[in-house]
N, C-alpha and C. Protein backbone atom coordinates (compact mmCIF):
# COMPACT_ATOMS: atom_id res chain seq x y z
N MET A 1 -32.73 -0.90 14.08
CA MET A 1 -32.00 -0.17 13.25
C MET A 1 -30.67 -0.29 12.77
N SER A 2 -30.40 -0.57 11.62
CA SER A 2 -29.08 -0.58 11.13
C SER A 2 -27.94 -0.18 11.44
N THR A 3 -26.40 -0.86 11.63
CA THR A 3 -25.46 0.23 11.87
C THR A 3 -25.13 1.23 11.36
N MET A 4 -25.69 1.06 9.92
CA MET A 4 -25.17 2.23 8.95
C MET A 4 -25.90 3.62 9.15
N LYS A 5 -27.13 2.97 9.64
CA LYS A 5 -28.48 4.14 9.86
C LYS A 5 -28.24 4.81 11.25
N GLN A 6 -27.66 4.11 11.99
CA GLN A 6 -27.37 4.47 13.64
C GLN A 6 -26.19 5.37 13.20
N ALA A 7 -24.87 4.82 12.52
CA ALA A 7 -23.83 6.03 12.34
C ALA A 7 -24.35 7.51 11.55
N VAL A 8 -25.28 7.57 10.71
CA VAL A 8 -25.89 8.53 9.76
C VAL A 8 -26.63 9.36 11.03
N ALA A 9 -27.52 8.47 11.74
CA ALA A 9 -28.19 9.51 12.99
C ALA A 9 -27.03 9.86 13.52
N ARG A 10 -26.03 9.46 13.88
CA ARG A 10 -25.28 9.85 15.09
C ARG A 10 -24.43 11.20 14.88
N ARG A 11 -24.30 10.73 12.96
CA ARG A 11 -23.31 12.08 12.66
C ARG A 11 -24.57 13.59 12.39
N ALA A 12 -25.32 13.28 12.38
CA ALA A 12 -26.43 14.12 12.02
C ALA A 12 -26.58 15.28 13.22
N LYS A 13 -26.84 14.16 14.59
CA LYS A 13 -26.82 14.56 15.63
C LYS A 13 -25.95 15.51 16.12
N MET A 14 -24.81 15.10 15.87
CA MET A 14 -23.43 15.83 16.30
C MET A 14 -23.08 16.96 15.59
N SER A 15 -23.64 16.84 14.15
CA SER A 15 -23.61 18.26 13.21
C SER A 15 -24.99 19.44 13.94
N GLU A 16 -25.79 18.96 14.38
CA GLU A 16 -26.55 19.94 14.72
C GLU A 16 -26.19 20.34 16.14
N ARG A 17 -25.85 19.61 17.26
CA ARG A 17 -24.94 20.30 18.38
C ARG A 17 -24.05 21.25 18.04
N ALA A 18 -23.08 21.00 17.15
CA ALA A 18 -21.66 21.57 16.73
C ALA A 18 -22.50 22.86 16.18
N GLU A 19 -23.54 22.57 15.45
CA GLU A 19 -23.99 24.33 14.97
C GLU A 19 -24.92 25.11 16.06
N SER A 20 -25.27 24.38 16.88
CA SER A 20 -25.48 25.09 18.15
C SER A 20 -24.62 25.54 18.83
N GLN A 21 -23.56 25.05 19.24
CA GLN A 21 -22.30 25.29 19.96
C GLN A 21 -21.59 26.41 19.20
N ARG A 22 -21.62 26.63 17.98
CA ARG A 22 -21.17 27.86 17.02
C ARG A 22 -21.79 29.07 17.29
N LEU A 23 -23.20 29.01 17.16
CA LEU A 23 -24.09 30.19 17.42
C LEU A 23 -23.94 30.61 18.61
N ILE A 24 -23.93 29.80 19.58
CA ILE A 24 -23.56 30.39 21.17
C ILE A 24 -22.31 30.87 21.52
N HIS A 25 -21.21 30.06 21.18
CA HIS A 25 -19.91 30.77 21.51
C HIS A 25 -19.49 31.73 20.79
N PHE A 26 -19.76 31.43 19.29
CA PHE A 26 -18.81 32.44 18.19
C PHE A 26 -20.00 33.00 17.26
N ALA A 27 -20.89 33.32 17.84
CA ALA A 27 -21.94 33.83 17.08
C ALA A 27 -21.22 35.59 16.26
N GLY A 28 -20.43 35.77 16.57
CA GLY A 28 -19.86 37.09 16.22
C GLY A 28 -18.80 36.77 14.99
N VAL A 29 -18.37 35.42 14.75
CA VAL A 29 -17.88 35.49 13.83
C VAL A 29 -18.60 35.26 12.43
N ASP A 30 -18.09 36.05 11.25
CA ASP A 30 -18.97 35.94 10.00
C ASP A 30 -18.86 34.88 9.13
N ASP A 31 -19.60 34.45 8.64
CA ASP A 31 -19.48 33.43 7.83
C ASP A 31 -18.47 33.49 6.90
N ALA A 32 -18.02 34.48 6.37
CA ALA A 32 -16.78 34.23 5.39
C ALA A 32 -15.70 33.90 6.01
N TRP A 33 -15.59 33.34 6.94
CA TRP A 33 -14.20 33.25 7.73
C TRP A 33 -14.80 31.38 8.11
N ILE A 34 -15.99 30.59 7.72
CA ILE A 34 -16.47 29.61 8.07
C ILE A 34 -16.11 28.58 6.82
N TRP A 35 -15.45 27.73 7.04
CA TRP A 35 -15.50 26.68 5.77
C TRP A 35 -15.92 25.58 5.99
N THR A 36 -17.31 25.40 4.91
CA THR A 36 -18.38 24.29 4.90
C THR A 36 -18.16 23.67 3.95
N ARG A 37 -18.29 22.08 3.96
CA ARG A 37 -18.16 21.33 2.92
C ARG A 37 -19.12 21.41 1.95
N LYS A 38 -20.41 21.71 2.27
CA LYS A 38 -21.35 21.87 1.27
C LYS A 38 -21.68 23.17 0.75
N LYS A 39 -20.56 24.04 1.04
CA LYS A 39 -20.73 25.46 0.31
C LYS A 39 -19.79 25.76 -0.28
N ASN A 40 -18.23 25.69 0.33
CA ASN A 40 -17.39 25.76 -0.34
C ASN A 40 -16.39 24.92 -1.46
N ASN A 41 -15.91 25.27 -2.23
CA ASN A 41 -15.05 24.26 -3.26
C ASN A 41 -13.99 23.71 -2.65
N GLY A 42 -13.57 22.18 -2.97
CA GLY A 42 -12.07 22.10 -3.02
C GLY A 42 -12.04 21.25 -1.61
N PHE A 43 -12.81 19.83 -1.73
CA PHE A 43 -12.62 19.09 -0.23
C PHE A 43 -12.62 17.16 -0.77
N THR A 44 -12.11 16.87 0.72
CA THR A 44 -12.14 15.58 0.35
C THR A 44 -12.57 14.63 1.43
N THR A 45 -13.01 13.50 1.46
CA THR A 45 -13.38 12.89 2.55
C THR A 45 -11.94 12.43 3.51
N VAL A 46 -11.70 12.35 4.72
CA VAL A 46 -10.39 12.31 5.16
C VAL A 46 -10.99 11.18 6.55
N PRO A 47 -10.31 10.02 7.06
CA PRO A 47 -10.74 9.57 7.97
C PRO A 47 -10.03 10.01 9.22
N ARG A 48 -10.96 9.82 10.31
CA ARG A 48 -10.63 10.78 11.75
C ARG A 48 -9.51 10.04 12.34
N THR A 49 -8.84 8.87 12.00
CA THR A 49 -7.84 8.44 12.60
C THR A 49 -6.87 8.48 11.81
N LEU A 50 -6.85 9.21 10.61
CA LEU A 50 -5.60 9.88 10.02
C LEU A 50 -4.22 10.38 10.88
N PRO A 51 -4.81 11.50 11.45
CA PRO A 51 -3.56 11.97 12.87
C PRO A 51 -2.76 10.85 13.26
N ILE A 52 -3.52 9.69 13.74
CA ILE A 52 -2.33 8.76 14.72
C ILE A 52 -1.89 7.42 13.64
N ALA A 53 -2.47 7.60 12.45
CA ALA A 53 -1.47 7.04 11.53
C ALA A 53 -0.52 7.65 10.89
N MET A 54 -0.60 9.07 10.78
CA MET A 54 0.93 9.98 10.70
C MET A 54 1.65 9.60 11.49
N GLN A 55 1.11 9.93 13.15
CA GLN A 55 2.17 9.63 13.99
C GLN A 55 2.84 7.97 13.77
N ALA A 56 2.22 7.25 13.64
CA ALA A 56 2.68 5.78 13.85
C ALA A 56 3.72 5.51 12.79
N VAL A 57 3.63 6.32 11.38
CA VAL A 57 4.60 6.61 10.18
C VAL A 57 5.53 6.96 10.64
N ASP A 58 5.25 7.97 11.43
CA ASP A 58 6.54 9.22 11.74
C ASP A 58 7.51 8.33 12.87
N GLU A 59 6.93 7.76 13.79
CA GLU A 59 7.50 6.77 14.74
C GLU A 59 8.48 5.92 14.06
N GLN A 60 8.26 5.46 12.73
CA GLN A 60 9.02 4.51 12.13
C GLN A 60 9.82 5.03 11.48
N SER A 61 9.96 5.67 11.02
CA SER A 61 10.68 6.48 10.09
C SER A 61 11.49 7.65 10.77
N LYS A 62 12.45 7.60 11.93
CA LYS A 62 12.78 8.40 12.39
C LYS A 62 14.29 9.37 11.56
N GLY A 63 14.02 10.23 11.41
CA GLY A 63 15.24 11.40 10.52
C GLY A 63 14.01 11.64 9.35
N GLN A 64 13.30 10.72 8.90
CA GLN A 64 12.83 11.04 7.94
C GLN A 64 11.48 10.98 7.55
N PRO A 65 10.56 11.73 8.26
CA PRO A 65 9.07 11.56 8.91
C PRO A 65 8.29 11.66 7.62
N PRO A 66 7.51 10.92 7.14
CA PRO A 66 6.64 10.88 5.92
C PRO A 66 5.39 11.45 6.38
N GLY A 67 4.66 11.50 7.45
CA GLY A 67 3.56 11.84 7.85
C GLY A 67 2.54 12.88 7.11
N HIS A 68 3.61 14.28 7.11
CA HIS A 68 2.79 15.11 6.55
C HIS A 68 3.29 14.64 4.98
N VAL A 69 3.84 14.15 4.19
CA VAL A 69 3.55 13.48 2.72
C VAL A 69 2.13 12.68 2.66
N LEU A 70 1.89 11.93 3.50
CA LEU A 70 0.80 11.38 3.66
C LEU A 70 -0.55 12.23 3.75
N PHE A 71 -0.38 13.39 4.13
CA PHE A 71 -1.43 13.90 4.55
C PHE A 71 -1.70 14.84 3.03
N CYS A 72 -0.77 15.21 2.78
CA CYS A 72 -0.84 15.84 1.29
C CYS A 72 -1.66 15.11 0.15
N LEU A 73 -1.21 13.83 -0.10
CA LEU A 73 -1.69 12.90 -0.56
C LEU A 73 -3.24 12.99 -0.34
N TRP A 74 -3.51 12.82 0.81
CA TRP A 74 -5.26 12.98 1.21
C TRP A 74 -5.79 14.19 0.66
N ALA A 75 -4.94 15.13 0.75
CA ALA A 75 -5.88 16.74 0.48
C ALA A 75 -5.90 16.59 -1.08
N ARG A 76 -4.99 16.16 -1.53
CA ARG A 76 -5.42 15.60 -2.92
C ARG A 76 -6.30 14.97 -3.50
N ALA A 77 -6.77 14.09 -3.06
CA ALA A 77 -7.62 12.94 -3.31
C ALA A 77 -9.09 13.53 -3.89
N PRO A 78 -9.56 13.26 -5.09
CA PRO A 78 -11.03 13.50 -5.30
C PRO A 78 -12.05 12.99 -4.79
N ASP A 79 -11.93 12.87 -3.36
CA ASP A 79 -12.89 11.89 -2.55
C ASP A 79 -12.64 10.66 -3.02
N HIS A 80 -11.47 9.84 -3.61
CA HIS A 80 -11.34 8.58 -4.31
C HIS A 80 -10.20 8.62 -4.09
N PRO A 81 -9.79 7.07 -3.94
CA PRO A 81 -8.40 6.17 -3.73
C PRO A 81 -7.41 6.74 -4.65
N VAL A 82 -7.59 6.89 -5.70
CA VAL A 82 -6.69 6.76 -6.71
C VAL A 82 -6.35 8.22 -6.85
N LEU A 83 -4.87 8.53 -6.93
CA LEU A 83 -4.20 9.54 -7.52
C LEU A 83 -3.17 9.45 -8.80
N VAL A 84 -2.98 10.61 -9.75
CA VAL A 84 -2.14 10.43 -10.63
C VAL A 84 -1.67 11.49 -10.72
N ILE A 85 -0.19 11.39 -10.33
CA ILE A 85 1.06 11.99 -9.99
C ILE A 85 1.58 12.64 -11.25
N ASP A 86 0.98 13.76 -12.15
CA ASP A 86 1.83 14.26 -13.36
C ASP A 86 3.13 14.78 -12.98
N ASN A 87 3.37 15.67 -11.83
CA ASN A 87 4.21 16.53 -11.47
C ASN A 87 4.79 16.14 -9.81
N PRO A 88 6.09 15.53 -9.72
CA PRO A 88 6.41 15.25 -8.76
C PRO A 88 6.58 16.35 -7.86
N VAL A 89 7.06 17.44 -8.65
CA VAL A 89 7.74 18.63 -8.03
C VAL A 89 6.40 19.42 -7.25
N THR A 90 5.26 19.28 -7.90
CA THR A 90 4.31 20.09 -6.87
C THR A 90 3.87 19.34 -5.56
N PHE A 91 4.18 17.83 -5.81
CA PHE A 91 3.64 17.23 -4.43
C PHE A 91 4.97 17.47 -3.34
N ALA A 92 6.11 17.22 -4.11
CA ALA A 92 7.36 17.88 -2.95
C ALA A 92 7.12 19.02 -2.18
N ALA A 93 6.69 20.27 -3.20
CA ALA A 93 6.78 21.58 -2.63
C ALA A 93 5.66 21.68 -1.64
N GLU A 94 4.38 21.07 -1.68
CA GLU A 94 3.13 21.02 -0.76
C GLU A 94 3.70 20.42 0.21
N ALA A 95 4.57 18.90 0.16
CA ALA A 95 5.15 18.71 1.55
C ALA A 95 5.99 19.01 2.28
N GLY A 96 6.58 20.82 1.99
CA GLY A 96 7.85 21.45 2.50
C GLY A 96 8.91 21.07 1.96
N PHE A 97 9.22 20.60 0.72
CA PHE A 97 10.68 20.07 0.56
C PHE A 97 10.94 21.02 -0.70
N THR A 98 12.05 21.69 -0.60
CA THR A 98 12.59 22.59 -1.35
C THR A 98 14.30 22.08 -1.76
N GLY A 99 14.57 23.03 -2.69
CA GLY A 99 16.03 22.88 -3.27
C GLY A 99 15.97 21.96 -4.41
N PRO A 100 17.35 21.44 -4.76
CA PRO A 100 17.18 20.72 -6.07
C PRO A 100 17.06 19.11 -5.99
N ARG A 101 17.28 18.90 -4.53
CA ARG A 101 17.13 17.65 -4.06
C ARG A 101 15.35 17.29 -3.33
N ALA A 102 14.68 18.23 -3.73
CA ALA A 102 13.26 17.95 -3.25
C ALA A 102 12.17 16.96 -3.55
N VAL A 103 12.52 16.72 -4.81
CA VAL A 103 11.83 15.15 -5.33
C VAL A 103 12.41 14.15 -5.12
N ASP A 104 13.99 14.24 -4.86
CA ASP A 104 14.23 12.76 -4.54
C ASP A 104 14.11 12.68 -2.80
N THR A 105 13.89 13.51 -1.90
CA THR A 105 13.57 13.61 -0.70
C THR A 105 11.98 13.07 -0.35
N TRP A 106 11.37 14.08 -1.39
CA TRP A 106 9.79 13.10 -1.55
C TRP A 106 9.50 11.76 -2.00
N ARG A 107 10.50 11.56 -2.66
CA ARG A 107 10.19 10.22 -2.94
C ARG A 107 10.70 9.05 -2.03
N ARG A 108 11.50 9.50 -1.27
CA ARG A 108 12.18 8.45 -0.17
C ARG A 108 11.02 8.41 0.91
N ARG A 109 10.12 9.76 0.78
CA ARG A 109 9.13 9.61 1.99
C ARG A 109 7.90 8.56 1.08
N MET A 110 8.07 8.82 0.19
CA MET A 110 6.59 8.14 -0.68
C MET A 110 7.12 6.52 -0.77
N LYS A 111 8.59 6.15 -0.37
CA LYS A 111 8.73 4.92 -0.65
C LYS A 111 8.52 4.49 1.10
N ARG A 112 8.85 4.90 2.03
CA ARG A 112 8.27 4.55 3.07
C ARG A 112 7.13 4.22 3.46
N LEU A 113 6.20 5.10 3.01
CA LEU A 113 4.85 5.16 3.00
C LEU A 113 4.31 3.83 2.57
N GLN A 114 5.14 3.79 1.51
CA GLN A 114 4.60 2.12 0.93
C GLN A 114 5.11 0.85 1.12
N GLU A 115 5.96 1.30 1.89
CA GLU A 115 6.90 -0.17 2.85
C GLU A 115 5.75 -0.43 4.03
N LEU A 116 5.14 0.79 4.62
CA LEU A 116 4.49 0.89 5.86
C LEU A 116 2.67 0.84 5.60
N GLN A 117 2.60 0.17 3.86
CA GLN A 117 1.20 -0.27 3.24
C GLN A 117 0.00 0.91 3.72
N LEU A 118 0.53 2.24 3.61
CA LEU A 118 -0.34 3.39 3.64
C LEU A 118 -0.68 3.93 2.04
N ILE A 119 0.18 3.06 1.00
CA ILE A 119 -0.07 3.51 0.14
C ILE A 119 0.42 2.36 -1.11
N VAL A 120 -0.14 2.07 -2.31
CA VAL A 120 0.26 1.17 -3.40
C VAL A 120 0.79 2.29 -4.55
N ALA A 121 1.79 1.89 -5.35
CA ALA A 121 1.86 2.42 -6.20
C ALA A 121 2.60 1.79 -7.38
N LYS A 122 2.21 2.52 -8.33
CA LYS A 122 2.59 1.86 -9.91
C LYS A 122 3.42 2.88 -10.83
N ALA A 123 4.28 2.39 -11.38
CA ALA A 123 5.34 3.30 -12.05
C ALA A 123 4.54 3.71 -13.54
N GLY A 124 5.00 5.11 -13.76
CA GLY A 124 4.35 5.61 -15.11
C GLY A 124 5.44 6.55 -15.40
N PRO A 125 4.89 7.81 -16.78
CA PRO A 125 5.50 8.60 -16.98
C PRO A 125 6.21 9.21 -16.18
N ALA A 126 5.76 9.55 -15.05
CA ALA A 126 6.22 10.62 -14.24
C ALA A 126 7.43 9.97 -13.21
N GLY A 127 7.52 8.72 -13.16
CA GLY A 127 8.06 7.97 -12.44
C GLY A 127 7.42 6.64 -11.46
N ASP A 128 8.16 6.25 -10.25
CA ASP A 128 7.80 4.86 -9.61
C ASP A 128 6.32 5.28 -8.98
N PHE A 129 6.01 6.78 -8.52
CA PHE A 129 4.76 6.77 -8.02
C PHE A 129 3.91 7.81 -8.84
N HIS A 130 3.72 7.38 -10.02
CA HIS A 130 3.25 8.11 -10.90
C HIS A 130 1.50 7.73 -10.64
N TYR A 131 1.21 6.50 -10.20
CA TYR A 131 -0.19 6.02 -9.88
C TYR A 131 -0.33 5.74 -8.24
N VAL A 132 -1.04 6.19 -7.72
CA VAL A 132 -1.13 6.05 -6.52
C VAL A 132 -2.54 5.70 -5.77
N LEU A 133 -2.66 4.49 -4.85
CA LEU A 133 -3.81 4.36 -4.51
C LEU A 133 -3.35 4.50 -2.54
N LEU A 134 -4.45 5.19 -2.16
CA LEU A 134 -4.42 5.45 -0.69
C LEU A 134 -5.19 4.33 -0.27
N THR A 135 -4.55 3.68 0.75
CA THR A 135 -4.85 2.47 1.42
C THR A 135 -5.71 2.76 2.80
N ASN A 136 -6.67 2.41 3.25
CA ASN A 136 -7.28 2.83 4.52
C ASN A 136 -6.31 2.64 5.86
N PRO A 137 -6.05 3.80 6.19
CA PRO A 137 -5.35 4.14 7.52
C PRO A 137 -5.22 2.80 8.59
N ASN A 138 -6.45 2.67 8.74
CA ASN A 138 -7.07 1.55 9.91
C ASN A 138 -6.48 0.39 9.28
N SER A 139 -6.55 -0.08 8.04
CA SER A 139 -6.04 -1.33 7.84
C SER A 139 -4.24 -1.19 7.78
N ALA A 140 -3.89 -0.22 7.39
CA ALA A 140 -2.47 -0.10 7.46
C ALA A 140 -2.13 0.18 9.02
N VAL A 141 -2.49 0.61 9.84
CA VAL A 141 -2.20 0.75 11.35
C VAL A 141 -2.23 -0.61 11.79
N GLU A 142 -3.51 -1.67 11.49
CA GLU A 142 -3.68 -2.67 11.95
C GLU A 142 -2.69 -3.73 11.57
N TRP A 143 -1.83 -3.34 10.20
CA TRP A 143 -0.58 -4.14 9.88
C TRP A 143 0.70 -3.98 10.69
N MET A 144 0.71 -2.73 10.71
CA MET A 144 2.01 -2.44 11.66
C MET A 144 1.75 -2.82 13.19
N ARG A 145 0.46 -3.04 13.39
CA ARG A 145 0.66 -3.73 14.86
C ARG A 145 0.88 -5.08 14.75
N SER A 146 0.36 -6.23 13.57
CA SER A 146 0.64 -7.48 13.65
C SER A 146 2.04 -7.59 13.25
N ASN A 147 2.70 -6.45 13.00
CA ASN A 147 4.14 -6.41 12.34
C ASN A 147 5.18 -5.85 13.43
N GLY A 148 4.49 -5.50 14.80
CA GLY A 148 5.52 -5.18 15.66
C GLY A 148 6.04 -3.30 15.34
N LYS A 149 5.05 -3.03 14.73
CA LYS A 149 5.83 -1.59 14.23
C LYS A 149 5.23 -0.36 14.64
N ILE A 150 4.22 -0.93 15.78
CA ILE A 150 3.97 0.50 16.31
C ILE A 150 3.60 0.35 17.83
N GLN A 151 4.00 1.31 18.64
CA GLN A 151 3.80 1.32 20.55
C GLN A 151 2.68 0.52 20.85
N ASP A 152 2.45 0.35 21.95
CA ASP A 152 1.17 -0.12 22.41
C ASP A 152 0.78 1.08 22.97
N VAL A 153 1.21 2.18 23.21
CA VAL A 153 0.37 3.54 23.90
C VAL A 153 -0.20 3.67 22.90
N LEU A 154 0.74 3.92 21.85
CA LEU A 154 -0.09 4.63 20.18
C LEU A 154 -1.51 3.90 19.67
N TYR A 155 -0.89 2.73 19.60
CA TYR A 155 -2.03 1.67 19.29
C TYR A 155 -2.90 1.65 20.14
N GLY A 156 -2.85 1.75 21.68
CA GLY A 156 -4.08 1.71 22.35
C GLY A 156 -5.30 3.16 22.07
N ARG A 157 -4.35 4.66 21.75
CA ARG A 157 -4.76 5.78 21.16
C ARG A 157 -5.93 5.34 19.95
N PHE A 158 -4.89 5.15 19.17
CA PHE A 158 -5.62 4.26 18.10
C PHE A 158 -6.96 3.52 17.88
N TRP A 159 -6.78 2.63 18.57
CA TRP A 159 -8.20 1.65 19.19
C TRP A 159 -9.34 2.59 19.77
N ASP A 160 -9.06 3.63 20.56
CA ASP A 160 -9.93 4.35 21.55
C ASP A 160 -10.25 5.37 20.38
N ARG A 161 -9.75 5.69 19.22
CA ARG A 161 -10.05 6.79 18.16
C ARG A 161 -11.09 6.15 17.48
N LEU A 162 -10.71 4.65 17.07
CA LEU A 162 -11.19 4.07 16.01
C LEU A 162 -12.84 3.34 16.62
N SER A 163 -12.72 3.14 17.94
CA SER A 163 -14.17 3.07 18.54
C SER A 163 -14.94 3.91 18.75
N GLU A 164 -14.37 5.31 18.96
CA GLU A 164 -15.73 6.32 18.96
C GLU A 164 -16.11 6.92 17.82
N VAL A 165 -15.56 6.41 16.81
CA VAL A 165 -16.19 6.95 15.18
C VAL A 165 -16.87 5.58 14.79
N GLY A 166 -16.85 4.64 15.63
CA GLY A 166 -17.78 3.45 15.00
C GLY A 166 -16.83 2.29 14.34
N GLY A 167 -15.56 2.47 14.14
CA GLY A 167 -14.80 1.86 13.11
C GLY A 167 -14.57 0.58 12.98
N LEU A 168 -14.49 0.25 14.38
CA LEU A 168 -13.94 -1.54 14.91
C LEU A 168 -13.93 -2.58 14.04
N SER A 169 -15.22 -2.52 13.17
CA SER A 169 -15.64 -3.40 12.22
C SER A 169 -14.45 -3.59 11.06
N GLU A 170 -14.16 -2.25 11.04
CA GLU A 170 -12.76 -2.53 9.81
C GLU A 170 -11.79 -3.51 10.18
N ILE A 171 -11.49 -3.30 11.51
CA ILE A 171 -10.14 -4.36 12.26
C ILE A 171 -10.70 -5.74 11.71
N ASP A 172 -11.82 -5.98 12.28
CA ASP A 172 -12.40 -7.46 11.82
C ASP A 172 -11.83 -7.90 10.30
N VAL A 173 -12.13 -7.07 9.44
CA VAL A 173 -11.80 -7.17 8.03
C VAL A 173 -10.81 -7.75 7.66
N ILE A 174 -9.70 -6.54 8.18
CA ILE A 174 -8.29 -6.74 8.00
C ILE A 174 -7.95 -7.70 8.30
N ARG A 175 -8.23 -8.13 9.87
CA ARG A 175 -8.02 -9.47 10.06
C ARG A 175 -8.37 -10.72 9.61
N ALA A 176 -9.59 -10.88 9.04
CA ALA A 176 -9.72 -12.06 8.29
C ALA A 176 -9.02 -12.02 7.01
N TYR A 177 -8.99 -10.74 6.41
CA TYR A 177 -7.90 -10.95 5.05
C TYR A 177 -6.50 -11.62 5.37
N SER A 178 -6.08 -11.03 6.54
CA SER A 178 -4.09 -11.51 6.70
C SER A 178 -4.64 -12.79 7.08
N ALA A 179 -5.69 -13.00 7.99
CA ALA A 179 -5.36 -14.75 8.00
C ALA A 179 -5.67 -15.70 7.20
N GLN A 180 -6.83 -15.07 6.24
CA GLN A 180 -6.53 -15.76 4.59
C GLN A 180 -5.46 -15.79 3.95
N ALA A 181 -4.59 -14.61 4.02
CA ALA A 181 -3.76 -14.45 2.89
C ALA A 181 -2.32 -15.14 3.70
N LYS A 182 -2.27 -15.53 4.91
CA LYS A 182 -1.30 -15.96 5.50
C LYS A 182 -1.59 -17.70 5.20
N ALA A 183 -2.80 -18.01 5.43
CA ALA A 183 -3.34 -19.75 5.15
C ALA A 183 -2.79 -20.05 4.13
N LYS A 184 -3.41 -18.80 2.80
CA LYS A 184 -3.04 -19.39 1.36
C LYS A 184 -1.27 -19.53 1.10
N ALA A 185 -0.79 -18.49 2.06
CA ALA A 185 0.68 -18.45 1.71
C ALA A 185 1.90 -19.46 2.30
N GLU A 186 0.81 -20.41 2.76
CA GLU A 186 1.45 -21.69 3.68
C GLU A 186 0.72 -23.13 3.01
N GLU A 187 -0.01 -22.82 2.47
CA GLU A 187 -0.56 -24.25 1.74
C GLU A 187 0.78 -25.04 0.89
N PRO A 188 0.89 -26.35 1.23
CA PRO A 188 1.86 -26.81 -0.17
C PRO A 188 1.99 -26.80 -1.16
N ALA A 189 2.95 -26.34 -2.10
CA ALA A 189 3.07 -26.19 -3.17
C ALA A 189 2.35 -27.82 -4.09
N PRO A 190 1.39 -27.12 -5.10
CA PRO A 190 1.24 -28.67 -5.90
C PRO A 190 2.09 -29.62 -6.47
N PRO A 191 2.04 -31.08 -6.65
CA PRO A 191 2.95 -31.87 -6.99
C PRO A 191 3.27 -31.47 -8.13
N LEU A 192 4.56 -31.63 -8.53
CA LEU A 192 5.22 -31.89 -10.19
C LEU A 192 4.41 -32.82 -10.70
N PRO A 193 4.25 -32.13 -12.26
CA PRO A 193 3.65 -33.33 -13.22
C PRO A 193 4.48 -34.37 -13.48
N PRO A 194 4.27 -35.56 -13.56
CA PRO A 194 4.89 -36.88 -13.86
C PRO A 194 5.78 -36.75 -15.25
N LEU A 195 7.43 -37.16 -14.77
CA LEU A 195 7.97 -37.44 -16.05
C LEU A 195 7.43 -38.05 -17.26
N PRO A 196 7.73 -37.52 -18.55
CA PRO A 196 7.39 -38.49 -20.02
C PRO A 196 7.55 -39.56 -19.85
N PRO A 197 7.45 -40.75 -20.40
CA PRO A 197 8.06 -42.15 -20.71
C PRO A 197 9.28 -42.39 -21.11
N PRO A 198 9.93 -42.90 -20.94
CA PRO A 198 10.99 -43.49 -21.58
C PRO A 198 10.81 -43.83 -23.02
N PRO A 199 12.01 -43.27 -24.04
CA PRO A 199 11.38 -44.30 -25.32
C PRO A 199 11.60 -45.46 -25.65
N PRO A 200 10.95 -46.14 -26.28
CA PRO A 200 11.01 -47.86 -26.27
C PRO A 200 12.45 -48.24 -26.39
N THR A 201 12.43 -49.17 -25.73
CA THR A 201 14.01 -49.89 -25.89
C THR A 201 14.52 -50.89 -27.08
N ASP A 202 13.35 -51.01 -27.96
CA ASP A 202 13.06 -51.89 -29.16
C ASP A 202 13.49 -51.38 -30.44
N ALA A 203 13.66 -50.13 -30.40
CA ALA A 203 14.07 -49.48 -31.42
C ALA A 203 15.40 -49.16 -31.82
N PRO A 204 15.60 -49.42 -33.32
CA PRO A 204 16.91 -49.73 -33.45
C PRO A 204 17.66 -48.61 -33.38
N THR A 205 19.13 -48.69 -32.56
CA THR A 205 19.62 -47.35 -32.95
C THR A 205 21.08 -47.56 -33.71
N ALA A 206 21.61 -46.44 -34.19
CA ALA A 206 22.78 -46.14 -34.95
C ALA A 206 23.54 -47.06 -34.63
N SER A 207 24.26 -47.13 -33.39
CA SER A 207 25.53 -48.08 -33.61
C SER A 207 24.95 -49.43 -33.62
N ALA A 208 23.88 -49.79 -33.95
CA ALA A 208 23.33 -51.60 -33.98
C ALA A 208 23.24 -51.76 -35.59
N THR A 209 23.26 -50.66 -36.26
CA THR A 209 22.55 -50.74 -37.61
C THR A 209 24.02 -50.07 -38.44
N THR A 210 24.97 -49.54 -38.15
CA THR A 210 26.18 -49.03 -38.75
C THR A 210 27.42 -49.79 -38.56
N LYS A 211 27.94 -50.30 -39.44
CA LYS A 211 28.94 -50.76 -39.31
C LYS A 211 30.22 -49.73 -40.12
N VAL A 212 31.41 -49.97 -39.19
CA VAL A 212 32.74 -49.00 -39.17
C VAL A 212 33.46 -49.63 -39.50
N LYS A 213 34.09 -49.64 -41.14
CA LYS A 213 35.08 -50.26 -41.60
C LYS A 213 36.25 -49.37 -41.26
N VAL A 214 37.37 -50.65 -40.71
CA VAL A 214 38.62 -49.93 -40.10
C VAL A 214 39.79 -50.35 -41.53
N ARG A 215 40.26 -49.69 -42.13
CA ARG A 215 41.48 -49.83 -43.28
C ARG A 215 42.63 -49.95 -42.33
N LYS A 216 43.01 -50.86 -42.62
CA LYS A 216 44.68 -51.45 -42.11
C LYS A 216 45.63 -50.95 -43.03
N SER A 217 46.96 -50.31 -42.60
CA SER A 217 47.58 -49.83 -43.58
C SER A 217 48.78 -50.39 -43.23
N LYS A 218 49.46 -50.81 -44.01
CA LYS A 218 50.75 -51.64 -44.12
C LYS A 218 52.06 -50.88 -43.71
N PRO A 219 53.12 -51.65 -42.76
CA PRO A 219 54.01 -50.84 -42.48
C PRO A 219 55.03 -50.45 -43.41
N LYS A 220 55.45 -49.17 -43.53
CA LYS A 220 56.33 -48.77 -44.23
C LYS A 220 57.62 -49.38 -44.27
N SER A 221 58.06 -49.62 -45.23
CA SER A 221 60.07 -50.09 -45.20
C SER A 221 60.88 -49.09 -44.82
N VAL A 222 61.31 -49.48 -44.23
CA VAL A 222 62.60 -48.72 -43.91
C VAL A 222 63.72 -48.90 -44.89
N GLY A 223 64.01 -48.02 -45.41
CA GLY A 223 65.45 -47.74 -46.19
C GLY A 223 66.82 -48.35 -45.50
N LYS A 224 67.27 -49.12 -46.11
CA LYS A 224 68.72 -49.51 -45.38
C LYS A 224 69.91 -48.22 -45.85
């Protein structure tokens, strides 16, 4: 059985087990209180390691933690990594920022997420973060690890959790990409093109063909 089929089978088994536990332990809770992805509207797919990624970026941003801003972006994603932010005020409010400087505060958090490789942004009508691409948090955490931006204890928790959900192969992919990018950056620059040949030396020049006549002036007589 392929790895993909094994993962699907395991998720189905976990879902069945969870439903059995719900019926045993929470049989008195009405379905009106239960949120089900297949029944309720408004959902997105979120990486299971996202809470650890949020903690990692918060620890690298003392005083201005952007983890909740990252979560709000994922909560807005339409099951696709690209977001178009037409109104930053709305995103700032959902992240908990209020007052006249709410958008500026939100933008500083977004800039930090970009620095830590959690998002890629392009400018547009609404500012520097009009178009936003959500990157794989697992790849971002591995990048942080390779650049000394995550504590060993937290990275160990991330590794354990990624192993639990069957995502360790993603680490191999980002490591291979990083090695390839590093090798490409270290390649020597291509040689410069040769200079054009000098002009031929037997061509006549202006100084060789032009004679300049110098007119001698007679000395003026001095009156006595």
